């Protein structure tokens, strides 16, 4: 079942997001298991939304790619995100 992840970074900026995006998606492609990605500024910070094939696919990305990349990068978000996770009861694309 598809799995939704949102991260809100209070005070986050486009510049900080670009640093993280370059560290984890340097080739511009979505990682294995990620179906979609969207991000942008919102009141008070930066919001990221991603849909994954499963919670396991997200977990593999977080432990194998995201966390190691964040340990080696500077200039990204300064705080941990406010995270929300959900199994998708509906995932529809054009």
N, C-alpha and C. Protein backbone atom coordinates (compact mmCIF):
# COMPACT_ATOMS: atom_id res chain seq x y z
N UNK A 1 0.84 -1.18 0.00
CA UNK A 1 0.00 0.00 0.00
C UNK A 1 0.89 1.24 0.00
N UNK A 2 0.51 2.25 -0.76
CA UNK A 2 1.26 3.50 -0.82
C UNK A 2 1.32 4.14 0.57
N UNK A 3 2.40 4.87 0.80
CA UNK A 3 2.68 5.44 2.12
C UNK A 3 3.08 6.90 1.96
N UNK A 4 2.41 7.78 2.69
CA UNK A 4 2.63 9.22 2.62
C UNK A 4 3.51 9.70 3.76
N UNK A 5 4.47 10.56 3.42
CA UNK A 5 5.32 11.19 4.41
C UNK A 5 5.31 12.69 4.16
N UNK A 6 5.08 13.47 5.22
CA UNK A 6 5.26 14.92 5.12
C UNK A 6 6.25 15.36 6.17
N UNK A 7 7.07 16.33 5.79
CA UNK A 7 8.01 16.97 6.70
C UNK A 7 7.80 18.47 6.61
N UNK A 8 7.60 19.09 7.75
CA UNK A 8 7.54 20.55 7.82
C UNK A 8 8.73 21.04 8.63
N UNK A 9 9.50 21.94 8.02
CA UNK A 9 10.67 22.53 8.67
C UNK A 9 10.35 23.98 9.03
N UNK A 10 10.06 24.27 10.30
CA UNK A 10 9.81 25.65 10.70
C UNK A 10 11.01 26.52 10.34
N UNK A 11 10.76 27.64 9.68
CA UNK A 11 11.83 28.55 9.29
C UNK A 11 12.67 28.06 8.12
N UNK A 12 12.33 26.89 7.56
CA UNK A 12 13.10 26.33 6.44
C UNK A 12 13.01 27.20 5.19
N UNK A 13 14.06 27.12 4.37
CA UNK A 13 14.13 27.93 3.15
C UNK A 13 14.40 27.08 1.92
N UNK A 14 14.19 27.68 0.77
CA UNK A 14 14.48 27.00 -0.51
C UNK A 14 15.97 26.67 -0.61
N UNK A 15 16.81 27.53 -0.12
CA UNK A 15 18.26 27.30 -0.17
C UNK A 15 18.65 26.08 0.66
N UNK A 16 18.08 25.97 1.85
CA UNK A 16 18.36 24.81 2.70
C UNK A 16 17.85 23.53 2.04
N UNK A 17 16.67 23.59 1.45
CA UNK A 17 16.11 22.42 0.77
C UNK A 17 16.99 22.00 -0.39
N UNK A 18 17.51 22.95 -1.14
CA UNK A 18 18.38 22.63 -2.28
C UNK A 18 19.63 21.87 -1.83
N UNK A 19 20.18 22.24 -0.68
CA UNK A 19 21.36 21.54 -0.14
C UNK A 19 21.01 20.07 0.14
N UNK A 20 19.89 19.84 0.80
CA UNK A 20 19.48 18.47 1.13
C UNK A 20 19.13 17.70 -0.13
N UNK A 21 18.39 18.32 -1.02
CA UNK A 21 18.00 17.66 -2.27
C UNK A 21 19.22 17.22 -3.06
N UNK A 22 20.22 18.08 -3.14
CA UNK A 22 21.45 17.74 -3.86
C UNK A 22 22.18 16.58 -3.19
N UNK A 23 22.11 16.51 -1.88
CA UNK A 23 22.80 15.45 -1.15
C UNK A 23 22.13 14.08 -1.32
N UNK A 24 20.81 14.06 -1.47
CA UNK A 24 20.11 12.77 -1.52
C UNK A 24 19.53 12.42 -2.89
N UNK A 25 19.45 13.40 -3.78
CA UNK A 25 18.94 13.18 -5.14
C UNK A 25 19.89 13.84 -6.15
N UNK A 26 21.17 13.63 -5.99
CA UNK A 26 22.16 14.34 -6.81
C UNK A 26 21.93 14.14 -8.31
N UNK A 27 21.41 12.98 -8.71
CA UNK A 27 21.18 12.72 -10.13
C UNK A 27 19.83 13.25 -10.61
N UNK A 28 19.04 13.81 -9.69
CA UNK A 28 17.75 14.37 -10.05
C UNK A 28 16.63 13.35 -10.13
N UNK A 29 16.94 12.08 -9.97
CA UNK A 29 15.93 11.03 -10.05
C UNK A 29 15.40 10.69 -8.66
N UNK A 30 14.19 10.18 -8.61
CA UNK A 30 13.65 9.71 -7.34
C UNK A 30 14.33 8.41 -6.97
N UNK A 31 14.54 8.19 -5.68
CA UNK A 31 15.17 6.93 -5.26
C UNK A 31 14.21 5.76 -5.44
N UNK A 32 14.76 4.57 -5.40
CA UNK A 32 13.95 3.36 -5.53
C UNK A 32 12.84 3.38 -4.48
N UNK A 33 11.63 3.10 -4.91
CA UNK A 33 10.50 3.02 -4.01
C UNK A 33 9.72 4.30 -3.82
N UNK A 34 10.26 5.43 -4.28
CA UNK A 34 9.54 6.69 -4.12
C UNK A 34 8.71 6.94 -5.38
N UNK A 35 7.42 7.18 -5.19
CA UNK A 35 6.50 7.37 -6.31
C UNK A 35 6.36 8.82 -6.73
N UNK A 36 6.41 9.73 -5.75
CA UNK A 36 6.27 11.15 -6.07
C UNK A 36 6.90 11.99 -4.98
N UNK A 37 7.18 13.25 -5.34
CA UNK A 37 7.77 14.19 -4.40
C UNK A 37 7.28 15.58 -4.75
N UNK A 38 6.97 16.36 -3.72
CA UNK A 38 6.57 17.76 -3.91
C UNK A 38 7.06 18.54 -2.70
N UNK A 39 7.47 19.77 -2.93
CA UNK A 39 7.96 20.60 -1.82
C UNK A 39 7.79 22.07 -2.18
N UNK A 40 7.68 22.88 -1.13
CA UNK A 40 7.60 24.31 -1.37
C UNK A 40 7.44 25.10 -0.09
N UNK A 41 7.54 26.42 -0.24
CA UNK A 41 7.40 27.29 0.92
C UNK A 41 5.94 27.34 1.37
N UNK A 42 5.77 27.45 2.67
CA UNK A 42 4.44 27.62 3.26
C UNK A 42 4.58 28.56 4.45
N UNK A 43 3.48 28.98 4.99
CA UNK A 43 3.54 29.92 6.11
C UNK A 43 4.42 29.36 7.21
N UNK A 44 5.50 30.06 7.50
CA UNK A 44 6.37 29.70 8.60
C UNK A 44 7.48 28.73 8.30
N UNK A 45 7.62 28.30 7.04
CA UNK A 45 8.71 27.38 6.76
C UNK A 45 8.62 26.67 5.42
N UNK A 46 9.08 25.44 5.40
CA UNK A 46 9.20 24.66 4.17
C UNK A 46 8.51 23.31 4.37
N UNK A 47 7.68 22.90 3.40
CA UNK A 47 6.92 21.67 3.48
C UNK A 47 7.34 20.71 2.38
N UNK A 48 7.56 19.46 2.75
CA UNK A 48 7.93 18.40 1.81
C UNK A 48 6.91 17.28 1.94
N UNK A 49 6.47 16.77 0.79
CA UNK A 49 5.54 15.65 0.76
C UNK A 49 6.09 14.61 -0.20
N UNK A 50 6.07 13.36 0.21
CA UNK A 50 6.54 12.28 -0.65
C UNK A 50 5.62 11.08 -0.49
N UNK A 51 5.37 10.40 -1.59
CA UNK A 51 4.61 9.16 -1.54
C UNK A 51 5.57 8.03 -1.92
N UNK A 52 5.53 6.99 -1.11
CA UNK A 52 6.41 5.83 -1.27
C UNK A 52 5.58 4.60 -1.57
N UNK A 53 6.20 3.59 -2.17
CA UNK A 53 5.51 2.33 -2.44
C UNK A 53 5.03 1.68 -1.15
N UNK A 54 5.80 1.85 -0.07
CA UNK A 54 5.48 1.23 1.21
C UNK A 54 6.27 1.92 2.32
N UNK A 55 5.89 1.64 3.55
CA UNK A 55 6.65 2.18 4.67
C UNK A 55 8.04 1.57 4.70
N UNK A 56 8.18 0.33 4.24
CA UNK A 56 9.49 -0.31 4.18
C UNK A 56 10.42 0.40 3.20
N UNK A 57 9.89 0.82 2.05
CA UNK A 57 10.70 1.56 1.07
C UNK A 57 11.19 2.88 1.65
N UNK A 58 10.31 3.57 2.38
CA UNK A 58 10.71 4.80 3.04
C UNK A 58 11.80 4.52 4.08
N UNK A 59 11.61 3.49 4.87
CA UNK A 59 12.60 3.14 5.89
C UNK A 59 13.97 2.82 5.30
N UNK A 60 13.98 2.11 4.18
CA UNK A 60 15.23 1.79 3.50
C UNK A 60 15.93 3.06 3.05
N UNK A 61 15.18 4.01 2.49
CA UNK A 61 15.75 5.28 2.06
C UNK A 61 16.31 6.07 3.24
N UNK A 62 15.53 6.14 4.31
CA UNK A 62 15.95 6.93 5.48
C UNK A 62 17.25 6.37 6.06
N UNK A 63 17.32 5.07 6.28
CA UNK A 63 18.51 4.50 6.91
C UNK A 63 19.69 4.36 5.96
N UNK A 64 19.42 4.08 4.69
CA UNK A 64 20.50 3.83 3.75
C UNK A 64 21.01 5.04 3.00
N UNK A 65 20.17 6.08 2.86
CA UNK A 65 20.55 7.24 2.06
C UNK A 65 20.44 8.55 2.83
N UNK A 66 19.27 8.83 3.37
CA UNK A 66 19.03 10.14 3.98
C UNK A 66 19.92 10.40 5.19
N UNK A 67 19.89 9.52 6.17
CA UNK A 67 20.66 9.77 7.39
C UNK A 67 22.16 9.84 7.13
N UNK A 68 22.74 8.95 6.33
CA UNK A 68 24.17 9.09 6.02
C UNK A 68 24.49 10.41 5.31
N UNK A 69 23.61 10.83 4.38
CA UNK A 69 23.85 12.08 3.66
C UNK A 69 23.77 13.28 4.60
N UNK A 70 22.80 13.28 5.50
CA UNK A 70 22.66 14.40 6.43
C UNK A 70 23.86 14.52 7.37
N UNK A 71 24.50 13.41 7.67
CA UNK A 71 25.67 13.44 8.55
C UNK A 71 26.86 14.11 7.88
N UNK A 72 26.86 14.15 6.54
CA UNK A 72 28.00 14.69 5.80
C UNK A 72 27.74 16.04 5.13
N UNK A 73 26.58 16.65 5.36
CA UNK A 73 26.24 17.89 4.65
C UNK A 73 26.08 19.04 5.64
N UNK A 74 26.43 20.23 5.20
CA UNK A 74 26.17 21.41 6.00
C UNK A 74 25.42 22.42 5.15
N UNK A 75 24.65 23.27 5.80
CA UNK A 75 23.88 24.28 5.09
C UNK A 75 22.45 23.88 4.85
N UNK A 76 22.05 22.68 5.31
CA UNK A 76 20.67 22.23 5.16
C UNK A 76 19.81 22.74 6.30
N UNK A 77 18.69 22.09 6.49
CA UNK A 77 17.78 22.49 7.56
C UNK A 77 18.47 22.37 8.91
N UNK A 78 18.16 23.29 9.79
CA UNK A 78 18.84 23.37 11.08
C UNK A 78 18.14 22.61 12.19
N UNK A 79 16.90 22.21 11.97
CA UNK A 79 16.14 21.49 13.00
C UNK A 79 15.54 20.22 12.39
N UNK A 80 15.15 19.32 13.25
CA UNK A 80 14.42 18.14 12.80
C UNK A 80 13.03 18.58 12.31
N UNK A 81 12.48 17.85 11.36
CA UNK A 81 11.17 18.25 10.85
C UNK A 81 10.03 17.82 11.77
N UNK A 82 8.90 18.48 11.59
CA UNK A 82 7.65 17.98 12.14
C UNK A 82 7.16 16.96 11.11
N UNK A 83 7.12 15.69 11.51
CA UNK A 83 6.83 14.61 10.56
C UNK A 83 5.44 14.07 10.76
N UNK A 84 4.79 13.74 9.64
CA UNK A 84 3.51 13.04 9.65
C UNK A 84 3.63 11.90 8.66
N UNK A 85 3.14 10.71 9.05
CA UNK A 85 3.18 9.52 8.21
C UNK A 85 1.78 8.92 8.14
N UNK A 86 1.43 8.36 6.98
CA UNK A 86 0.11 7.75 6.84
C UNK A 86 0.10 6.74 5.70
N UNK A 87 -0.61 5.64 5.92
CA UNK A 87 -0.90 4.76 4.80
C UNK A 87 -1.93 5.47 3.95
N UNK A 88 -1.73 5.46 2.66
CA UNK A 88 -2.65 6.14 1.76
C UNK A 88 -3.91 5.31 1.56
N UNK A 89 -5.04 5.89 1.87
CA UNK A 89 -6.30 5.23 1.53
C UNK A 89 -6.70 5.58 0.11
N UNK A 90 -6.08 6.64 -0.42
CA UNK A 90 -6.25 7.01 -1.81
C UNK A 90 -4.94 7.59 -2.31
N UNK A 91 -4.47 7.07 -3.42
CA UNK A 91 -3.32 7.65 -4.11
C UNK A 91 -3.66 7.62 -5.59
N UNK A 92 -3.85 8.79 -6.16
CA UNK A 92 -4.33 8.92 -7.52
C UNK A 92 -3.39 9.80 -8.30
N UNK A 93 -3.09 9.43 -9.54
CA UNK A 93 -2.26 10.25 -10.40
C UNK A 93 -2.99 10.52 -11.70
N UNK A 94 -2.52 11.50 -12.42
CA UNK A 94 -3.16 11.87 -13.70
C UNK A 94 -2.98 10.78 -14.73
